[in-house]
Amino acid sequence: MKSSRSNQTLTDESGVPEAATKVSAVEVTPEKQARGFRGVVRRFKKDLREPLPGSDHLGRWGKIKARFVHLAKRYGWKLLVAVILYYLIRDTILYIVIPYLIARHFID
């Protein structure tokens, strides 16, 4: 014997479904954003440090490759963007800003 459920939705007095009228606005403050970023950094550091299961039999380069594949699968394009931004900022400071300041006699 099959039981059938009625397809009833609760509505308010205007006829709009009740679930559609409940809108929760989540306020994102700079503190919450910073906590979120710090959490991502902590998780990334933890992923770098903890040993990968099943990598005991690998040599040094095999472990490095396994770690890289693991991080690429876990973080995807975000890891690539972080690496590009890091090198972009570093190289801009080293090869553009510092020589410019030396040429302008700000640094002796």
PDB file of N, CA and C in Angstrom:
ATOM      1  N   MET A   1       0.834  -1.163   0.000  1.00  0.00           N
ATOM      2  CA  MET A   1       0.000   0.000   0.000  1.00  0.00           C
ATOM      3  C   MET A   1       0.887   1.237   0.000  1.00  0.00           C
ATOM      4  N   LYS A   2       0.660   2.132  -0.954  1.00  0.00           N
ATOM      5  CA  LYS A   2       1.448   3.353  -1.070  1.00  0.00           C
ATOM      6  C   LYS A   2       0.760   4.479  -0.317  1.00  0.00           C
ATOM      7  N   SER A   3       1.586   5.266   0.327  1.00  0.00           N
ATOM      8  CA  SER A   3       1.017   6.440   0.988  1.00  0.00           C
ATOM      9  C   SER A   3       1.341   7.657   0.153  1.00  0.00           C
ATOM     10  N   SER A   4       0.404   8.521   0.045  1.00  0.00           N
ATOM     11  CA  SER A   4       0.638   9.735  -0.731  1.00  0.00           C
ATOM     12  C   SER A   4       0.633  10.931   0.200  1.00  0.00           C
ATOM     13  N   ARG A   5       1.549  11.821  -0.052  1.00  0.00           N
ATOM     14  CA  ARG A   5       1.629  13.041   0.746  1.00  0.00           C
ATOM     15  C   ARG A   5       0.954  14.161  -0.012  1.00  0.00           C
ATOM     16  N   SER A   6       0.326  15.012   0.700  1.00  0.00           N
ATOM     17  CA  SER A   6      -0.289  16.160   0.034  1.00  0.00           C
ATOM     18  C   SER A   6       0.777  17.205  -0.221  1.00  0.00           C
ATOM     19  N   ASN A   7       0.681  17.861  -1.311  1.00  0.00           N
ATOM     20  CA  ASN A   7       1.664  18.860  -1.721  1.00  0.00           C
ATOM     21  C   ASN A   7       1.151  20.238  -1.319  1.00  0.00           C
ATOM     22  N   GLN A   8       1.086  20.475  -0.015  1.00  0.00           N
ATOM     23  CA  GLN A   8       0.572  21.733   0.488  1.00  0.00           C
ATOM     24  C   GLN A   8       1.736  22.605   0.934  1.00  0.00           C
ATOM     25  N   THR A   9       1.648  23.893   0.625  1.00  0.00           N
ATOM     26  CA  THR A   9       2.622  24.843   1.122  1.00  0.00           C
ATOM     27  C   THR A   9       1.902  25.879   1.942  1.00  0.00           C
ATOM     28  N   LEU A  10       2.547  26.323   2.984  1.00  0.00           N
ATOM     29  CA  LEU A  10       1.956  27.345   3.831  1.00  0.00           C
ATOM     30  C   LEU A  10       2.062  28.692   3.142  1.00  0.00           C
ATOM     31  N   THR A  11       0.992  29.447   3.183  1.00  0.00           N
ATOM     32  CA  THR A  11       0.983  30.764   2.565  1.00  0.00           C
ATOM     33  C   THR A  11       0.561  31.795   3.586  1.00  0.00           C
ATOM     34  N   ASP A  12       1.026  33.038   3.399  1.00  0.00           N
ATOM     35  CA  ASP A  12       0.562  34.114   4.262  1.00  0.00           C
ATOM     36  C   ASP A  12      -0.709  34.707   3.669  1.00  0.00           C
ATOM     37  N   GLU A  13      -1.176  35.806   4.253  1.00  0.00           N
ATOM     38  CA  GLU A  13      -2.453  36.366   3.815  1.00  0.00           C
ATOM     39  C   GLU A  13      -2.439  36.896   2.383  1.00  0.00           C
ATOM     40  N   SER A  14      -1.261  37.208   1.823  1.00  0.00           N
ATOM     41  CA  SER A  14      -1.203  37.715   0.456  1.00  0.00           C
ATOM     42  C   SER A  14      -1.151  36.590  -0.577  1.00  0.00           C
ATOM     43  N   GLY A  15      -1.041  35.329  -0.123  1.00  0.00           N
ATOM     44  CA  GLY A  15      -1.010  34.206  -1.038  1.00  0.00           C
ATOM     45  C   GLY A  15       0.391  33.800  -1.455  1.00  0.00           C
ATOM     46  N   VAL A  16       1.418  34.488  -0.939  1.00  0.00           N
ATOM     47  CA  VAL A  16       2.806  34.166  -1.259  1.00  0.00           C
ATOM     48  C   VAL A  16       3.259  33.049  -0.325  1.00  0.00           C
ATOM     49  N   PRO A  17       3.941  32.042  -0.817  1.00  0.00           N
ATOM     50  CA  PRO A  17       4.421  30.981   0.073  1.00  0.00           C
ATOM     51  C   PRO A  17       5.250  31.540   1.210  1.00  0.00           C
ATOM     52  N   GLU A  18       5.091  30.942   2.392  1.00  0.00           N
ATOM     53  CA  GLU A  18       5.738  31.452   3.595  1.00  0.00           C
ATOM     54  C   GLU A  18       7.257  31.429   3.489  1.00  0.00           C
ATOM     55  N   ALA A  19       7.819  30.408   2.855  1.00  0.00           N
ATOM     56  CA  ALA A  19       9.272  30.308   2.724  1.00  0.00           C
ATOM     57  C   ALA A  19       9.826  31.433   1.874  1.00  0.00           C
ATOM     58  N   ALA A  20       9.024  31.958   0.941  1.00  0.00           N
ATOM     59  CA  ALA A  20       9.499  33.030   0.069  1.00  0.00           C
ATOM     60  C   ALA A  20       9.527  34.361   0.796  1.00  0.00           C
ATOM     61  N   THR A  21       8.726  34.516   1.850  1.00  0.00           N
ATOM     62  CA  THR A  21       8.688  35.795   2.556  1.00  0.00           C
ATOM     63  C   THR A  21       9.778  35.921   3.599  1.00  0.00           C
ATOM     64  N   LYS A  22      10.346  34.800   4.031  1.00  0.00           N
ATOM     65  CA  LYS A  22      11.402  34.839   5.034  1.00  0.00           C
ATOM     66  C   LYS A  22      12.746  35.013   4.349  1.00  0.00           C
ATOM     67  N   VAL A  23      13.280  36.208   4.392  1.00  0.00           N
ATOM     68  CA  VAL A  23      14.574  36.498   3.789  1.00  0.00           C
ATOM     69  C   VAL A  23      15.503  36.919   4.913  1.00  0.00           C
ATOM     70  N   SER A  24      16.564  36.212   5.052  1.00  0.00           N
ATOM     71  CA  SER A  24      17.519  36.568   6.098  1.00  0.00           C
ATOM     72  C   SER A  24      18.713  37.251   5.446  1.00  0.00           C
ATOM     73  N   ALA A  25      18.970  38.447   5.897  1.00  0.00           N
ATOM     74  CA  ALA A  25      20.112  39.198   5.388  1.00  0.00           C
ATOM     75  C   ALA A  25      21.284  38.967   6.324  1.00  0.00           C
ATOM     76  N   VAL A  26      22.339  38.418   5.799  1.00  0.00           N
ATOM     77  CA  VAL A  26      23.535  38.177   6.588  1.00  0.00           C
ATOM     78  C   VAL A  26      24.463  39.357   6.365  1.00  0.00           C
ATOM     79  N   GLU A  27      24.770  40.018   7.450  1.00  0.00           N
ATOM     80  CA  GLU A  27      25.655  41.179   7.356  1.00  0.00           C
ATOM     81  C   GLU A  27      27.096  40.710   7.400  1.00  0.00           C
ATOM     82  N   VAL A  28      27.854  41.076   6.390  1.00  0.00           N
ATOM     83  CA  VAL A  28      29.256  40.689   6.321  1.00  0.00           C
ATOM     84  C   VAL A  28      30.093  41.898   6.723  1.00  0.00           C
ATOM     85  N   THR A  29      30.707  41.792   7.878  1.00  0.00           N
ATOM     86  CA  THR A  29      31.542  42.872   8.379  1.00  0.00           C
ATOM     87  C   THR A  29      32.997  42.584   8.014  1.00  0.00           C
ATOM     88  N   PRO A  30      33.847  43.600   8.042  1.00  0.00           N
ATOM     89  CA  PRO A  30      35.275  43.365   7.762  1.00  0.00           C
ATOM     90  C   PRO A  30      35.906  42.351   8.722  1.00  0.00           C
ATOM     91  N   GLU A  31      35.412  42.315   9.980  1.00  0.00           N
ATOM     92  CA  GLU A  31      35.948  41.349  10.931  1.00  0.00           C
ATOM     93  C   GLU A  31      35.625  39.919  10.494  1.00  0.00           C
ATOM     94  N   LYS A  32      34.393  39.705  10.010  1.00  0.00           N
ATOM     95  CA  LYS A  32      34.003  38.374   9.543  1.00  0.00           C
ATOM     96  C   LYS A  32      34.804  37.988   8.307  1.00  0.00           C
ATOM     97  N   GLN A  33      35.057  38.964   7.419  1.00  0.00           N
ATOM     98  CA  GLN A  33      35.856  38.662   6.241  1.00  0.00           C
ATOM     99  C   GLN A  33      37.275  38.295   6.634  1.00  0.00           C
ATOM    100  N   ALA A  34      37.846  39.016   7.589  1.00  0.00           N
ATOM    101  CA  ALA A  34      39.207  38.724   8.035  1.00  0.00           C
ATOM    102  C   ALA A  34      39.271  37.353   8.683  1.00  0.00           C
ATOM    103  N   ARG A  35      38.254  37.018   9.505  1.00  0.00           N
ATOM    104  CA  ARG A  35      38.225  35.697  10.119  1.00  0.00           C
ATOM    105  C   ARG A  35      38.137  34.613   9.057  1.00  0.00           C
ATOM    106  N   GLY A  36      37.377  34.867   8.020  1.00  0.00           N
ATOM    107  CA  GLY A  36      37.255  33.898   6.937  1.00  0.00           C
ATOM    108  C   GLY A  36      38.573  33.709   6.210  1.00  0.00           C
ATOM    109  N   PHE A  37      39.281  34.814   5.940  1.00  0.00           N
ATOM    110  CA  PHE A  37      40.568  34.734   5.264  1.00  0.00           C
ATOM    111  C   PHE A  37      41.586  34.027   6.144  1.00  0.00           C
ATOM    112  N   ARG A  38      41.604  34.374   7.435  1.00  0.00           N
ATOM    113  CA  ARG A  38      42.531  33.719   8.350  1.00  0.00           C
ATOM    114  C   ARG A  38      42.240  32.228   8.448  1.00  0.00           C
ATOM    115  N   GLY A  39      40.970  31.872   8.408  1.00  0.00           N
ATOM    116  CA  GLY A  39      40.605  30.462   8.448  1.00  0.00           C
ATOM    117  C   GLY A  39      41.105  29.709   7.239  1.00  0.00           C
ATOM    118  N   VAL A  40      41.020  30.341   6.071  1.00  0.00           N
ATOM    119  CA  VAL A  40      41.517  29.708   4.847  1.00  0.00           C
ATOM    120  C   VAL A  40      43.032  29.540   4.934  1.00  0.00           C
ATOM    121  N   VAL A  41      43.721  30.544   5.438  1.00  0.00           N
ATOM    122  CA  VAL A  41      45.181  30.461   5.566  1.00  0.00           C
ATOM    123  C   VAL A  41      45.562  29.363   6.554  1.00  0.00           C
ATOM    124  N   ARG A  42      44.831  29.273   7.683  1.00  0.00           N
ATOM    125  CA  ARG A  42      45.116  28.221   8.664  1.00  0.00           C
ATOM    126  C   ARG A  42      44.907  26.832   8.064  1.00  0.00           C
ATOM    127  N   ARG A  43      43.789  26.655   7.318  1.00  0.00           N
ATOM    128  CA  ARG A  43      43.532  25.356   6.702  1.00  0.00           C
ATOM    129  C   ARG A  43      44.604  25.009   5.679  1.00  0.00           C
ATOM    130  N   PHE A  44      45.062  26.027   4.922  1.00  0.00           N
ATOM    131  CA  PHE A  44      46.108  25.789   3.929  1.00  0.00           C
ATOM    132  C   PHE A  44      47.406  25.366   4.602  1.00  0.00           C
ATOM    133  N   LYS A  45      47.778  26.052   5.685  1.00  0.00           N
ATOM    134  CA  LYS A  45      48.994  25.683   6.415  1.00  0.00           C
ATOM    135  C   LYS A  45      48.884  24.274   6.984  1.00  0.00           C
ATOM    136  N   LYS A  46      47.694  23.938   7.498  1.00  0.00           N
ATOM    137  CA  LYS A  46      47.488  22.594   8.036  1.00  0.00           C
ATOM    138  C   LYS A  46      47.616  21.551   6.926  1.00  0.00           C
ATOM    139  N   ASP A  47      47.070  21.847   5.745  1.00  0.00           N
ATOM    140  CA  ASP A  47      47.188  20.923   4.609  1.00  0.00           C
ATOM    141  C   ASP A  47      48.633  20.751   4.173  1.00  0.00           C
ATOM    142  N   LEU A  48      49.436  21.788   4.326  1.00  0.00           N
ATOM    143  CA  LEU A  48      50.852  21.682   3.956  1.00  0.00           C
ATOM    144  C   LEU A  48      51.624  20.807   4.935  1.00  0.00           C
ATOM    145  N   ARG A  49      51.262  20.876   6.212  1.00  0.00           N
ATOM    146  CA  ARG A  49      52.052  20.202   7.243  1.00  0.00           C
ATOM    147  C   ARG A  49      51.674  18.754   7.488  1.00  0.00           C
ATOM    148  N   GLU A  50      50.390  18.437   7.434  1.00  0.00           N
ATOM    149  CA  GLU A  50      50.008  17.077   7.806  1.00  0.00           C
ATOM    150  C   GLU A  50      50.403  16.087   6.715  1.00  0.00           C
ATOM    151  N   PRO A  51      50.832  14.906   7.114  1.00  0.00           N
ATOM    152  CA  PRO A  51      51.290  13.921   6.117  1.00  0.00           C
ATOM    153  C   PRO A  51      50.126  13.380   5.287  1.00  0.00           C
ATOM    154  N   LEU A  52      50.409  13.133   4.030  1.00  0.00           N
ATOM    155  CA  LEU A  52      49.399  12.556   3.151  1.00  0.00           C
ATOM    156  C   LEU A  52      49.312  11.060   3.400  1.00  0.00           C
ATOM    157  N   PRO A  53      48.117  10.539   3.534  1.00  0.00           N
ATOM    158  CA  PRO A  53      48.009   9.088   3.703  1.00  0.00           C
ATOM    159  C   PRO A  53      48.412   8.366   2.420  1.00  0.00           C
ATOM    160  N   GLY A  54      49.156   7.313   2.571  1.00  0.00           N
ATOM    161  CA  GLY A  54      49.580   6.516   1.429  1.00  0.00           C
ATOM    162  C   GLY A  54      50.804   7.037   0.709  1.00  0.00           C
ATOM    163  N   SER A  55      51.488   8.022   1.282  1.00  0.00           N
ATOM    164  CA  SER A  55      52.673   8.557   0.609  1.00  0.00           C
ATOM    165  C   SER A  55      53.968   8.107   1.292  1.00  0.00           C
ATOM    166  N   ASP A  56      53.878   7.125   2.168  1.00  0.00           N
ATOM    167  CA  ASP A  56      55.064   6.663   2.889  1.00  0.00           C
ATOM    168  C   ASP A  56      56.073   5.979   1.982  1.00  0.00           C
ATOM    169  N   HIS A  57      55.597   5.301   0.963  1.00  0.00           N
ATOM    170  CA  HIS A  57      56.480   4.553   0.070  1.00  0.00           C
ATOM    171  C   HIS A  57      57.125   5.427  -1.003  1.00  0.00           C
ATOM    172  N   LEU A  58      56.700   6.673  -1.118  1.00  0.00           N
ATOM    173  CA  LEU A  58      57.227   7.562  -2.156  1.00  0.00           C
ATOM    174  C   LEU A  58      58.550   8.179  -1.731  1.00  0.00           C
ATOM    175  N   GLY A  59      59.348   8.530  -2.718  1.00  0.00           N
ATOM    176  CA  GLY A  59      60.583   9.249  -2.448  1.00  0.00           C
ATOM    177  C   GLY A  59      60.292  10.731  -2.233  1.00  0.00           C
ATOM    178  N   ARG A  60      61.355  11.515  -2.141  1.00  0.00           N
ATOM    179  CA  ARG A  60      61.197  12.942  -1.873  1.00  0.00           C
ATOM    180  C   ARG A  60      60.389  13.633  -2.959  1.00  0.00           C
ATOM    181  N   TRP A  61      60.752  13.428  -4.229  1.00  0.00           N
ATOM    182  CA  TRP A  61      60.056  14.104  -5.324  1.00  0.00           C
ATOM    183  C   TRP A  61      58.644  13.563  -5.518  1.00  0.00           C
ATOM    184  N   GLY A  62      58.455  12.291  -5.205  1.00  0.00           N
ATOM    185  CA  GLY A  62      57.109  11.724  -5.272  1.00  0.00           C
ATOM    186  C   GLY A  62      56.184  12.343  -4.237  1.00  0.00           C
ATOM    187  N   LYS A  63      56.725  12.601  -3.046  1.00  0.00           N
ATOM    188  CA  LYS A  63      55.932  13.252  -1.997  1.00  0.00           C
ATOM    189  C   LYS A  63      55.603  14.691  -2.372  1.00  0.00           C
ATOM    190  N   ILE A  64      56.566  15.387  -2.976  1.00  0.00           N
ATOM    191  CA  ILE A  64      56.320  16.766  -3.398  1.00  0.00           C
ATOM    192  C   ILE A  64      55.232  16.796  -4.464  1.00  0.00           C
ATOM    193  N   LYS A  65      55.321  15.877  -5.424  1.00  0.00           N
ATOM    194  CA  LYS A  65      54.321  15.823  -6.485  1.00  0.00           C
ATOM    195  C   LYS A  65      52.941  15.467  -5.924  1.00  0.00           C
ATOM    196  N   ALA A  66      52.890  14.505  -5.005  1.00  0.00           N
ATOM    197  CA  ALA A  66      51.615  14.115  -4.393  1.00  0.00           C
ATOM    198  C   ALA A  66      51.010  15.271  -3.606  1.00  0.00           C
ATOM    199  N   ARG A  67      51.842  16.022  -2.899  1.00  0.00           N
ATOM    200  CA  ARG A  67      51.354  17.179  -2.135  1.00  0.00           C
ATOM    201  C   ARG A  67      50.804  18.246  -3.071  1.00  0.00           C
ATOM    202  N   PHE A  68      51.519  18.495  -4.173  1.00  0.00           N
ATOM    203  CA  PHE A  68      51.067  19.497  -5.141  1.00  0.00           C
ATOM    204  C   PHE A  68      49.729  19.099  -5.754  1.00  0.00           C
ATOM    205  N   VAL A  69      49.592  17.840  -6.129  1.00  0.00           N
ATOM    206  CA  VAL A  69      48.333  17.363  -6.714  1.00  0.00           C
ATOM    207  C   VAL A  69      47.199  17.482  -5.694  1.00  0.00           C
ATOM    208  N   HIS A  70      47.490  17.130  -4.442  1.00  0.00           N
ATOM    209  CA  HIS A  70      46.481  17.225  -3.384  1.00  0.00           C
ATOM    210  C   HIS A  70      46.018  18.666  -3.208  1.00  0.00           C
ATOM    211  N   LEU A  71      46.960  19.608  -3.140  1.00  0.00           N
ATOM    212  CA  LEU A  71      46.597  21.017  -2.956  1.00  0.00           C
ATOM    213  C   LEU A  71      45.861  21.571  -4.174  1.00  0.00           C
ATOM    214  N   ALA A  72      46.273  21.165  -5.371  1.00  0.00           N
ATOM    215  CA  ALA A  72      45.599  21.637  -6.583  1.00  0.00           C
ATOM    216  C   ALA A  72      44.160  21.135  -6.636  1.00  0.00           C
ATOM    217  N   LYS A  73      43.934  19.895  -6.223  1.00  0.00           N
ATOM    218  CA  LYS A  73      42.571  19.368  -6.208  1.00  0.00           C
ATOM    219  C   LYS A  73      41.727  20.051  -5.138  1.00  0.00           C
ATOM    220  N   ARG A  74      42.337  20.347  -3.999  1.00  0.00           N
ATOM    221  CA  ARG A  74      41.582  20.922  -2.891  1.00  0.00           C
ATOM    222  C   ARG A  74      41.262  22.399  -3.101  1.00  0.00           C
ATOM    223  N   TYR A  75      42.232  23.196  -3.594  1.00  0.00           N
ATOM    224  CA  TYR A  75      42.045  24.637  -3.696  1.00  0.00           C
ATOM    225  C   TYR A  75      41.813  25.129  -5.116  1.00  0.00           C
ATOM    226  N   GLY A  76      42.186  24.361  -6.117  1.00  0.00           N
ATOM    227  CA  GLY A  76      41.888  24.687  -7.504  1.00  0.00           C
ATOM    228  C   GLY A  76      42.451  26.015  -7.968  1.00  0.00           C
ATOM    229  N   TRP A  77      41.602  26.788  -8.617  1.00  0.00           N
ATOM    230  CA  TRP A  77      42.029  28.042  -9.234  1.00  0.00           C
ATOM    231  C   TRP A  77      42.460  29.064  -8.196  1.00  0.00           C
ATOM    232  N   LYS A  78      41.995  28.965  -6.965  1.00  0.00           N
ATOM    233  CA  LYS A  78      42.378  29.924  -5.922  1.00  0.00           C
ATOM    234  C   LYS A  78      43.869  29.849  -5.629  1.00  0.00           C
ATOM    235  N   LEU A  79      44.407  28.641  -5.659  1.00  0.00           N
ATOM    236  CA  LEU A  79      45.842  28.462  -5.442  1.00  0.00           C
ATOM    237  C   LEU A  79      46.638  29.120  -6.555  1.00  0.00           C
ATOM    238  N   LEU A  80      46.192  28.944  -7.779  1.00  0.00           N
ATOM    239  CA  LEU A  80      46.868  29.551  -8.923  1.00  0.00           C
ATOM    240  C   LEU A  80      46.838  31.078  -8.837  1.00  0.00           C
ATOM    241  N   VAL A  81      45.698  31.644  -8.487  1.00  0.00           N
ATOM    242  CA  VAL A  81      45.578  33.099  -8.350  1.00  0.00           C
ATOM    243  C   VAL A  81      46.482  33.610  -7.235  1.00  0.00           C
ATOM    244  N   ALA A  82      46.547  32.897  -6.119  1.00  0.00           N
ATOM    245  CA  ALA A  82      47.402  33.313  -5.006  1.00  0.00           C
ATOM    246  C   ALA A  82      48.875  33.325  -5.402  1.00  0.00           C
ATOM    247  N   VAL A  83      49.316  32.304  -6.120  1.00  0.00           N
ATOM    248  CA  VAL A  83      50.717  32.234  -6.555  1.00  0.00           C
ATOM    249  C   VAL A  83      51.029  33.360  -7.537  1.00  0.00           C
ATOM    250  N   ILE A  84      50.139  33.594  -8.483  1.00  0.00           N
ATOM    251  CA  ILE A  84      50.358  34.669  -9.466  1.00  0.00           C
ATOM    252  C   ILE A  84      50.406  36.024  -8.779  1.00  0.00           C
ATOM    253  N   LEU A  85      49.487  36.289  -7.859  1.00  0.00           N
ATOM    254  CA  LEU A  85      49.495  37.572  -7.149  1.00  0.00           C
ATOM    255  C   LEU A  85      50.750  37.739  -6.304  1.00  0.00           C
ATOM    256  N   TYR A  86      51.188  36.676  -5.640  1.00  0.00           N
ATOM    257  CA  TYR A  86      52.393  36.757  -4.832  1.00  0.00           C
ATOM    258  C   TYR A  86      53.584  37.172  -5.681  1.00  0.00           C
ATOM    259  N   TYR A  87      53.793  36.483  -6.798  1.00  0.00           N
ATOM    260  CA  TYR A  87      54.940  36.799  -7.645  1.00  0.00           C
ATOM    261  C   TYR A  87      54.780  38.145  -8.343  1.00  0.00           C
ATOM    262  N   LEU A  88      53.575  38.535  -8.686  1.00  0.00           N
ATOM    263  CA  LEU A  88      53.351  39.831  -9.299  1.00  0.00           C
ATOM    264  C   LEU A  88      53.728  40.959  -8.348  1.00  0.00           C
ATOM    265  N   ILE A  89      53.294  40.864  -7.106  1.00  0.00           N
ATOM    266  CA  ILE A  89      53.612  41.890  -6.108  1.00  0.00           C
ATOM    267  C   ILE A  89      55.103  41.891  -5.801  1.00  0.00           C
ATOM    268  N   ARG A  90      55.676  40.709  -5.595  1.00  0.00           N
ATOM    269  CA  ARG A  90      57.100  40.619  -5.268  1.00  0.00           C
ATOM    270  C   ARG A  90      57.968  41.185  -6.384  1.00  0.00           C
ATOM    271  N   ASP A  91      57.699  40.787  -7.610  1.00  0.00           N
ATOM    272  CA  ASP A  91      58.517  41.243  -8.728  1.00  0.00           C
ATOM    273  C   ASP A  91      58.316  42.723  -9.012  1.00  0.00           C
ATOM    274  N   THR A  92      57.115  43.224  -8.794  1.00  0.00           N
ATOM    275  CA  THR A  92      56.880  44.660  -8.972  1.00  0.00           C
ATOM    276  C   THR A  92      57.720  45.458  -7.987  1.00  0.00           C
ATOM    277  N   ILE A  93      57.768  45.011  -6.755  1.00  0.00           N
ATOM    278  CA  ILE A  93      58.577  45.719  -5.755  1.00  0.00           C
ATOM    279  C   ILE A  93      60.063  45.605  -6.090  1.00  0.00           C
ATOM    280  N   LEU A  94      60.521  44.406  -6.423  1.00  0.00           N
ATOM    281  CA  LEU A  94      61.953  44.208  -6.666  1.00  0.00           C
ATOM    282  C   LEU A  94      62.458  44.886  -7.934  1.00  0.00           C
ATOM    283  N   TYR A  95      61.687  44.788  -9.016  1.00  0.00           N
ATOM    284  CA  TYR A  95      62.206  45.216 -10.310  1.00  0.00           C
ATOM    285  C   TYR A  95      61.663  46.548 -10.808  1.00  0.00           C
ATOM    286  N   ILE A  96      60.670  47.108 -10.137  1.00  0.00           N
ATOM    287  CA  ILE A  96      60.136  48.392 -10.580  1.00  0.00           C
ATOM    288  C   ILE A  96      60.238  49.447  -9.484  1.00  0.00           C
ATOM    289  N   VAL A  97      59.702  49.161  -8.301  1.00  0.00           N
ATOM    290  CA  VAL A  97      59.635  50.172  -7.241  1.00  0.00           C
ATOM    291  C   VAL A  97      61.020  50.512  -6.704  1.00  0.00           C
ATOM    292  N   ILE A  98      61.809  49.514  -6.333  1.00  0.00           N
ATOM    293  CA  ILE A  98      63.134  49.784  -5.753  1.00  0.00           C
ATOM    294  C   ILE A  98      64.051  50.476  -6.757  1.00  0.00           C
ATOM    295  N   PRO A  99      64.167  50.027  -8.024  1.00  0.00           N
ATOM    296  CA  PRO A  99      64.995  50.785  -8.972  1.00  0.00           C
ATOM    297  C   PRO A  99      64.489  52.212  -9.210  1.00  0.00           C
ATOM    298  N   TYR A 100      63.172  52.386  -9.206  1.00  0.00           N
ATOM    299  CA  TYR A 100      62.620  53.737  -9.372  1.00  0.00           C
ATOM    300  C   TYR A 100      63.037  54.634  -8.208  1.00  0.00           C
ATOM    301  N   LEU A 101      62.926  54.115  -6.981  1.00  0.00           N
ATOM    302  CA  LEU A 101      63.316  54.911  -5.815  1.00  0.00           C
ATOM    303  C   LEU A 101      64.810  55.205  -5.806  1.00  0.00           C
ATOM    304  N   ILE A 102      65.619  54.269  -6.256  1.00  0.00           N
ATOM    305  CA  ILE A 102      67.059  54.510  -6.350  1.00  0.00           C
ATOM    306  C   ILE A 102      67.339  55.591  -7.392  1.00  0.00           C
ATOM    307  N   ALA A 103      66.669  55.526  -8.521  1.00  0.00           N
ATOM    308  CA  ALA A 103      66.869  56.514  -9.566  1.00  0.00           C
ATOM    309  C   ALA A 103      66.418  57.911  -9.131  1.00  0.00           C
ATOM    310  N   ARG A 104      65.427  57.970  -8.300  1.00  0.00           N
ATOM    311  CA  ARG A 104      64.925  59.268  -7.810  1.00  0.00           C
ATOM    312  C   ARG A 104      65.680  59.747  -6.567  1.00  0.00           C
ATOM    313  N   HIS A 105      66.699  59.008  -6.147  1.00  0.00           N
ATOM    314  CA  HIS A 105      67.553  59.339  -5.011  1.00  0.00           C
ATOM    315  C   HIS A 105      66.805  59.332  -3.680  1.00  0.00           C
ATOM    316  N   PHE A 106      65.769  58.471  -3.575  1.00  0.00           N
ATOM    317  CA  PHE A 106      65.100  58.323  -2.285  1.00  0.00           C
ATOM    318  C   PHE A 106      65.835  57.319  -1.411  1.00  0.00           C
ATOM    319  N   ILE A 107      66.496  56.378  -2.052  1.00  0.00           N
ATOM    320  CA  ILE A 107      67.269  55.383  -1.314  1.00  0.00           C
ATOM    321  C   ILE A 107      68.714  55.549  -1.742  1.00  0.00           C
ATOM    322  N   ASP A 108      69.609  55.682  -0.773  1.00  0.00           N
ATOM    323  CA  ASP A 108      71.040  55.828  -1.090  1.00  0.00           C
ATOM    324  C   ASP A 108      71.757  54.547  -0.920  1.00  0.00           C
TER     325      ASP A 108
END
